[in-house]
Every structure is written in structure tokens, then in C-alpha cells.
Amino acid sequence: MKLEEIREKSIKELNEIVVDCKKQLFDLRFKKYTNKYENATDLGKANSQIKEIRKTIARVKTVIKQKELA
């Protein structure tokens, strides 16, 4: 999710995005640690998805904090 898209949303919508991203992150980590992947490329995709979701959560939380301080 791009920063411009994040900044257009309200704080309530942003909190919902954080909750959704945390659910996705949990599911991906669960799959990763229970070895639910058939080959190494699926595991590599999961690692990159985990990284991207963590960055999205950080971006959203940063924007929430900025909006609260403004």
C-alpha cells in the first residue's frame, strides 16, 4: 500500500488496516513455521510477503501517530 493511499484514510480505517495486516502476518508466519510450503520458491515468496506486511504496518502506524499529533 502506498503512502499517498494511507494518508487519505481516516484513523478508524487505518486501525482496521493494521488489524487486517496483523492477521495476515500471523497466518504467513504460522504457515512458515509449520512447514506448509511445498518448495523453496513458496517459502521465499512468504518471506517477502512478511517483510512487505511489516513495512505496511509501520507506515500505517506512523501516519496514525502523525494524524493524532496534528
PDB file of N, CA and C in Angstrom:
ATOM      1  N   MET A   1       0.849  -1.168   0.000  1.00  0.00           N
ATOM      2  CA  MET A   1       0.000   0.000   0.000  1.00  0.00           C
ATOM      3  C   MET A   1       0.896   1.232   0.000  1.00  0.00           C
ATOM      4  N   LYS A   2       0.573   2.168  -0.849  1.00  0.00           N
ATOM      5  CA  LYS A   2       1.398   3.358  -0.984  1.00  0.00           C
ATOM      6  C   LYS A   2       1.048   4.391   0.082  1.00  0.00           C
ATOM      7  N   LEU A   3       2.014   5.234   0.373  1.00  0.00           N
ATOM      8  CA  LEU A   3       1.861   6.225   1.424  1.00  0.00           C
ATOM      9  C   LEU A   3       0.747   7.224   1.111  1.00  0.00           C
ATOM     10  N   GLU A   4       0.586   7.583  -0.152  1.00  0.00           N
ATOM     11  CA  GLU A   4      -0.474   8.530  -0.533  1.00  0.00           C
ATOM     12  C   GLU A   4      -1.848   7.945  -0.227  1.00  0.00           C
ATOM     13  N   GLU A   5      -2.008   6.643  -0.499  1.00  0.00           N
ATOM     14  CA  GLU A   5      -3.276   5.977  -0.212  1.00  0.00           C
ATOM     15  C   GLU A   5      -3.547   5.931   1.284  1.00  0.00           C
ATOM     16  N   ILE A   6      -2.509   5.716   2.045  1.00  0.00           N
ATOM     17  CA  ILE A   6      -2.651   5.623   3.502  1.00  0.00           C
ATOM     18  C   ILE A   6      -3.057   6.969   4.088  1.00  0.00           C
ATOM     19  N   ARG A   7      -2.443   8.035   3.607  1.00  0.00           N
ATOM     20  CA  ARG A   7      -2.720   9.364   4.160  1.00  0.00           C
ATOM     21  C   ARG A   7      -4.140   9.846   3.886  1.00  0.00           C
ATOM     22  N   GLU A   8      -4.795   9.309   2.852  1.00  0.00           N
ATOM     23  CA  GLU A   8      -6.152   9.720   2.514  1.00  0.00           C
ATOM     24  C   GLU A   8      -7.198   9.125   3.447  1.00  0.00           C
ATOM     25  N   LYS A   9      -6.857   8.094   4.181  1.00  0.00           N
ATOM     26  CA  LYS A   9      -7.823   7.379   5.007  1.00  0.00           C
ATOM     27  C   LYS A   9      -7.933   7.991   6.400  1.00  0.00           C
ATOM     28  N   SER A  10      -9.064   7.707   7.059  1.00  0.00           N
ATOM     29  CA  SER A  10      -9.274   8.196   8.417  1.00  0.00           C
ATOM     30  C   SER A  10      -8.552   7.291   9.407  1.00  0.00           C
ATOM     31  N   ILE A  11      -8.467   7.736  10.649  1.00  0.00           N
ATOM     32  CA  ILE A  11      -7.786   6.955  11.680  1.00  0.00           C
ATOM     33  C   ILE A  11      -8.496   5.624  11.916  1.00  0.00           C
ATOM     34  N   LYS A  12      -9.814   5.627  11.867  1.00  0.00           N
ATOM     35  CA  LYS A  12     -10.573   4.395  12.066  1.00  0.00           C
ATOM     36  C   LYS A  12     -10.248   3.378  10.972  1.00  0.00           C
ATOM     37  N   GLU A  13     -10.210   3.830   9.729  1.00  0.00           N
ATOM     38  CA  GLU A  13      -9.869   2.943   8.618  1.00  0.00           C
ATOM     39  C   GLU A  13      -8.438   2.435   8.748  1.00  0.00           C
ATOM     40  N   LEU A  14      -7.544   3.288   9.202  1.00  0.00           N
ATOM     41  CA  LEU A  14      -6.151   2.899   9.359  1.00  0.00           C
ATOM     42  C   LEU A  14      -6.001   1.831  10.440  1.00  0.00           C
ATOM     43  N   ASN A  15      -6.746   1.975  11.533  1.00  0.00           N
ATOM     44  CA  ASN A  15      -6.699   0.956  12.583  1.00  0.00           C
ATOM     45  C   ASN A  15      -7.213  -0.389  12.071  1.00  0.00           C
ATOM     46  N   GLU A  16      -8.232  -0.361  11.218  1.00  0.00           N
ATOM     47  CA  GLU A  16      -8.742  -1.595  10.625  1.00  0.00           C
ATOM     48  C   GLU A  16      -7.695  -2.238   9.716  1.00  0.00           C
ATOM     49  N   ILE A  17      -6.943  -1.412   8.990  1.00  0.00           N
ATOM     50  CA  ILE A  17      -5.882  -1.923   8.124  1.00  0.00           C
ATOM     51  C   ILE A  17      -4.799  -2.604   8.963  1.00  0.00           C
ATOM     52  N   VAL A  18      -4.444  -2.000  10.095  1.00  0.00           N
ATOM     53  CA  VAL A  18      -3.422  -2.587  10.962  1.00  0.00           C
ATOM     54  C   VAL A  18      -3.885  -3.958  11.467  1.00  0.00           C
ATOM     55  N   VAL A  19      -5.136  -4.049  11.898  1.00  0.00           N
ATOM     56  CA  VAL A  19      -5.659  -5.324  12.397  1.00  0.00           C
ATOM     57  C   VAL A  19      -5.639  -6.379  11.297  1.00  0.00           C
ATOM     58  N   ASP A  20      -6.057  -5.994  10.102  1.00  0.00           N
ATOM     59  CA  ASP A  20      -6.069  -6.925   8.979  1.00  0.00           C
ATOM     60  C   ASP A  20      -4.654  -7.380   8.628  1.00  0.00           C
ATOM     61  N   CYS A  21      -3.719  -6.464   8.602  1.00  0.00           N
ATOM     62  CA  CYS A  21      -2.335  -6.808   8.280  1.00  0.00           C
ATOM     63  C   CYS A  21      -1.741  -7.733   9.342  1.00  0.00           C
ATOM     64  N   LYS A  22      -2.070  -7.510  10.602  1.00  0.00           N
ATOM     65  CA  LYS A  22      -1.556  -8.382  11.660  1.00  0.00           C
ATOM     66  C   LYS A  22      -2.114  -9.796  11.532  1.00  0.00           C
ATOM     67  N   LYS A  23      -3.361  -9.922  11.095  1.00  0.00           N
ATOM     68  CA  LYS A  23      -3.937 -11.247  10.861  1.00  0.00           C
ATOM     69  C   LYS A  23      -3.203 -11.949   9.722  1.00  0.00           C
ATOM     70  N   GLN A  24      -2.956 -11.207   8.642  1.00  0.00           N
ATOM     71  CA  GLN A  24      -2.221 -11.775   7.507  1.00  0.00           C
ATOM     72  C   GLN A  24      -0.817 -12.199   7.929  1.00  0.00           C
ATOM     73  N   LEU A  25      -0.172 -11.364   8.726  1.00  0.00           N
ATOM     74  CA  LEU A  25       1.178 -11.649   9.191  1.00  0.00           C
ATOM     75  C   LEU A  25       1.189 -12.916  10.047  1.00  0.00           C
ATOM     76  N   PHE A  26       0.210 -13.049  10.925  1.00  0.00           N
ATOM     77  CA  PHE A  26       0.119 -14.249  11.752  1.00  0.00           C
ATOM     78  C   PHE A  26      -0.051 -15.493  10.889  1.00  0.00           C
ATOM     79  N   ASP A  27      -0.951 -15.420   9.908  1.00  0.00           N
ATOM     80  CA  ASP A  27      -1.191 -16.570   9.032  1.00  0.00           C
ATOM     81  C   ASP A  27       0.062 -16.968   8.264  1.00  0.00           C
ATOM     82  N   LEU A  28       0.780 -15.983   7.733  1.00  0.00           N
ATOM     83  CA  LEU A  28       2.001 -16.286   6.985  1.00  0.00           C
ATOM     84  C   LEU A  28       3.077 -16.891   7.880  1.00  0.00           C
ATOM     85  N   ARG A  29       3.234 -16.335   9.067  1.00  0.00           N
ATOM     86  CA  ARG A  29       4.232 -16.880   9.991  1.00  0.00           C
ATOM     87  C   ARG A  29       3.853 -18.293  10.419  1.00  0.00           C
ATOM     88  N   PHE A  30       2.582 -18.520  10.642  1.00  0.00           N
ATOM     89  CA  PHE A  30       2.116 -19.847  11.039  1.00  0.00           C
ATOM     90  C   PHE A  30       2.422 -20.868   9.955  1.00  0.00           C
ATOM     91  N   LYS A  31       2.127 -20.511   8.702  1.00  0.00           N
ATOM     92  CA  LYS A  31       2.437 -21.408   7.585  1.00  0.00           C
ATOM     93  C   LYS A  31       3.942 -21.666   7.491  1.00  0.00           C
ATOM     94  N   LYS A  32       4.713 -20.606   7.690  1.00  0.00           N
ATOM     95  CA  LYS A  32       6.157 -20.720   7.564  1.00  0.00           C
ATOM     96  C   LYS A  32       6.733 -21.673   8.608  1.00  0.00           C
ATOM     97  N   TYR A  33       6.298 -21.534   9.838  1.00  0.00           N
ATOM     98  CA  TYR A  33       6.882 -22.324  10.914  1.00  0.00           C
ATOM     99  C   TYR A  33       6.275 -23.717  11.041  1.00  0.00           C
ATOM    100  N   THR A  34       5.163 -23.978  10.364  1.00  0.00           N
ATOM    101  CA  THR A  34       4.620 -25.338  10.357  1.00  0.00           C
ATOM    102  C   THR A  34       4.966 -26.053   9.058  1.00  0.00           C
ATOM    103  N   ASN A  35       5.820 -25.453   8.261  1.00  0.00           N
ATOM    104  CA  ASN A  35       6.327 -26.054   7.013  1.00  0.00           C
ATOM    105  C   ASN A  35       5.200 -26.470   6.072  1.00  0.00           C
ATOM    106  N   LYS A  36       4.314 -25.556   5.787  1.00  0.00           N
ATOM    107  CA  LYS A  36       3.202 -25.834   4.886  1.00  0.00           C
ATOM    108  C   LYS A  36       3.543 -25.511   3.430  1.00  0.00           C
ATOM    109  N   TYR A  37       4.807 -25.310   3.121  1.00  0.00           N
ATOM    110  CA  TYR A  37       5.209 -24.960   1.767  1.00  0.00           C
ATOM    111  C   TYR A  37       5.809 -26.171   1.074  1.00  0.00           C
ATOM    112  N   GLU A  38       5.473 -26.323  -0.194  1.00  0.00           N
ATOM    113  CA  GLU A  38       5.932 -27.482  -0.950  1.00  0.00           C
ATOM    114  C   GLU A  38       7.359 -27.341  -1.460  1.00  0.00           C
ATOM    115  N   ASN A  39       7.767 -26.104  -1.757  1.00  0.00           N
ATOM    116  CA  ASN A  39       9.122 -25.928  -2.280  1.00  0.00           C
ATOM    117  C   ASN A  39       9.707 -24.608  -1.782  1.00  0.00           C
ATOM    118  N   ALA A  40      10.956 -24.377  -2.131  1.00  0.00           N
ATOM    119  CA  ALA A  40      11.687 -23.218  -1.630  1.00  0.00           C
ATOM    120  C   ALA A  40      11.166 -21.905  -2.208  1.00  0.00           C
ATOM    121  N   THR A  41      10.624 -21.919  -3.423  1.00  0.00           N
ATOM    122  CA  THR A  41      10.141 -20.662  -4.001  1.00  0.00           C
ATOM    123  C   THR A  41       8.924 -20.153  -3.252  1.00  0.00           C
ATOM    124  N   ASP A  42       8.046 -21.056  -2.795  1.00  0.00           N
ATOM    125  CA  ASP A  42       6.901 -20.625  -1.994  1.00  0.00           C
ATOM    126  C   ASP A  42       7.354 -20.017  -0.675  1.00  0.00           C
ATOM    127  N   LEU A  43       8.381 -20.619  -0.077  1.00  0.00           N
ATOM    128  CA  LEU A  43       8.915 -20.092   1.170  1.00  0.00           C
ATOM    129  C   LEU A  43       9.535 -18.713   0.944  1.00  0.00           C
ATOM    130  N   GLY A  44      10.215 -18.535  -0.171  1.00  0.00           N
ATOM    131  CA  GLY A  44      10.803 -17.232  -0.492  1.00  0.00           C
ATOM    132  C   GLY A  44       9.749 -16.174  -0.693  1.00  0.00           C
ATOM    133  N   LYS A  45       8.645 -16.546  -1.338  1.00  0.00           N
ATOM    134  CA  LYS A  45       7.536 -15.610  -1.513  1.00  0.00           C
ATOM    135  C   LYS A  45       6.933 -15.235  -0.171  1.00  0.00           C
ATOM    136  N   ALA A  46       6.818 -16.203   0.712  1.00  0.00           N
ATOM    137  CA  ALA A  46       6.263 -15.941   2.038  1.00  0.00           C
ATOM    138  C   ALA A  46       7.155 -14.974   2.805  1.00  0.00           C
ATOM    139  N   ASN A  47       8.453 -15.166   2.705  1.00  0.00           N
ATOM    140  CA  ASN A  47       9.382 -14.267   3.394  1.00  0.00           C
ATOM    141  C   ASN A  47       9.249 -12.841   2.885  1.00  0.00           C
ATOM    142  N   SER A  48       9.118 -12.670   1.574  1.00  0.00           N
ATOM    143  CA  SER A  48       8.983 -11.327   1.022  1.00  0.00           C
ATOM    144  C   SER A  48       7.628 -10.717   1.388  1.00  0.00           C
ATOM    145  N   GLN A  49       6.578 -11.549   1.457  1.00  0.00           N
ATOM    146  CA  GLN A  49       5.267 -11.044   1.871  1.00  0.00           C
ATOM    147  C   GLN A  49       5.293 -10.601   3.323  1.00  0.00           C
ATOM    148  N   ILE A  50       5.954 -11.370   4.179  1.00  0.00           N
ATOM    149  CA  ILE A  50       6.073 -10.999   5.591  1.00  0.00           C
ATOM    150  C   ILE A  50       6.773  -9.658   5.720  1.00  0.00           C
ATOM    151  N   LYS A  51       7.839  -9.493   4.974  1.00  0.00           N
ATOM    152  CA  LYS A  51       8.602  -8.243   5.005  1.00  0.00           C
ATOM    153  C   LYS A  51       7.735  -7.064   4.561  1.00  0.00           C
ATOM    154  N   GLU A  52       6.976  -7.252   3.486  1.00  0.00           N
ATOM    155  CA  GLU A  52       6.129  -6.176   2.960  1.00  0.00           C
ATOM    156  C   GLU A  52       4.997  -5.834   3.930  1.00  0.00           C
ATOM    157  N   ILE A  53       4.407  -6.818   4.551  1.00  0.00           N
ATOM    158  CA  ILE A  53       3.324  -6.561   5.507  1.00  0.00           C
ATOM    159  C   ILE A  53       3.854  -5.813   6.723  1.00  0.00           C
ATOM    160  N   ARG A  54       5.037  -6.189   7.193  1.00  0.00           N
ATOM    161  CA  ARG A  54       5.627  -5.477   8.328  1.00  0.00           C
ATOM    162  C   ARG A  54       5.875  -4.009   7.985  1.00  0.00           C
ATOM    163  N   LYS A  55       6.332  -3.738   6.767  1.00  0.00           N
ATOM    164  CA  LYS A  55       6.552  -2.360   6.343  1.00  0.00           C
ATOM    165  C   LYS A  55       5.234  -1.592   6.259  1.00  0.00           C
ATOM    166  N   THR A  56       4.182  -2.251   5.768  1.00  0.00           N
ATOM    167  CA  THR A  56       2.873  -1.602   5.669  1.00  0.00           C
ATOM    168  C   THR A  56       2.353  -1.245   7.053  1.00  0.00           C
ATOM    169  N   ILE A  57       2.495  -2.163   8.002  1.00  0.00           N
ATOM    170  CA  ILE A  57       2.060  -1.883   9.373  1.00  0.00           C
ATOM    171  C   ILE A  57       2.808  -0.682   9.933  1.00  0.00           C
ATOM    172  N   ALA A  58       4.097  -0.616   9.705  1.00  0.00           N
ATOM    173  CA  ALA A  58       4.902   0.504  10.199  1.00  0.00           C
ATOM    174  C   ALA A  58       4.468   1.818   9.558  1.00  0.00           C
ATOM    175  N   ARG A  59       4.205   1.799   8.251  1.00  0.00           N
ATOM    176  CA  ARG A  59       3.755   3.014   7.566  1.00  0.00           C
ATOM    177  C   ARG A  59       2.421   3.505   8.132  1.00  0.00           C
ATOM    178  N   VAL A  60       1.495   2.562   8.304  1.00  0.00           N
ATOM    179  CA  VAL A  60       0.165   2.928   8.784  1.00  0.00           C
ATOM    180  C   VAL A  60       0.244   3.475  10.203  1.00  0.00           C
ATOM    181  N   LYS A  61       1.022   2.834  11.055  1.00  0.00           N
ATOM    182  CA  LYS A  61       1.153   3.315  12.430  1.00  0.00           C
ATOM    183  C   LYS A  61       1.799   4.698  12.473  1.00  0.00           C
ATOM    184  N   THR A  62       2.741   4.950  11.583  1.00  0.00           N
ATOM    185  CA  THR A  62       3.381   6.262  11.521  1.00  0.00           C
ATOM    186  C   THR A  62       2.376   7.328  11.134  1.00  0.00           C
ATOM    187  N   VAL A  63       1.540   7.050  10.148  1.00  0.00           N
ATOM    188  CA  VAL A  63       0.528   8.020   9.708  1.00  0.00           C
ATOM    189  C   VAL A  63      -0.513   8.244  10.814  1.00  0.00           C
ATOM    190  N   ILE A  64      -0.884   7.180  11.506  1.00  0.00           N
ATOM    191  CA  ILE A  64      -1.843   7.324  12.630  1.00  0.00           C
ATOM    192  C   ILE A  64      -1.259   8.268  13.672  1.00  0.00           C
ATOM    193  N   LYS A  65      -0.017   8.087  14.020  1.00  0.00           N
ATOM    194  CA  LYS A  65       0.634   8.939  15.019  1.00  0.00           C
ATOM    195  C   LYS A  65       0.700  10.388  14.537  1.00  0.00           C
ATOM    196  N   GLN A  66       1.022  10.585  13.273  1.00  0.00           N
ATOM    197  CA  GLN A  66       1.082  11.945  12.719  1.00  0.00           C
ATOM    198  C   GLN A  66      -0.278  12.611  12.776  1.00  0.00           C
ATOM    199  N   LYS A  67      -1.328  11.870  12.461  1.00  0.00           N
ATOM    200  CA  LYS A  67      -2.685  12.440  12.491  1.00  0.00           C
ATOM    201  C   LYS A  67      -3.121  12.755  13.911  1.00  0.00           C
ATOM    202  N   GLU A  68      -2.718  11.920  14.868  1.00  0.00           N
ATOM    203  CA  GLU A  68      -3.071  12.181  16.259  1.00  0.00           C
ATOM    204  C   GLU A  68      -2.380  13.431  16.779  1.00  0.00           C
ATOM    205  N   LEU A  69      -1.145  13.662  16.351  1.00  0.00           N
ATOM    206  CA  LEU A  69      -0.410  14.836  16.819  1.00  0.00           C
ATOM    207  C   LEU A  69      -0.840  16.119  16.132  1.00  0.00           C
ATOM    208  N   ALA A  70      -1.437  15.998  14.962  1.00  0.00           N
ATOM    209  CA  ALA A  70      -1.839  17.197  14.212  1.00  0.00           C
ATOM    210  C   ALA A  70      -3.125  17.792  14.750  1.00  0.00           C
TER     211      ALA A  70
END
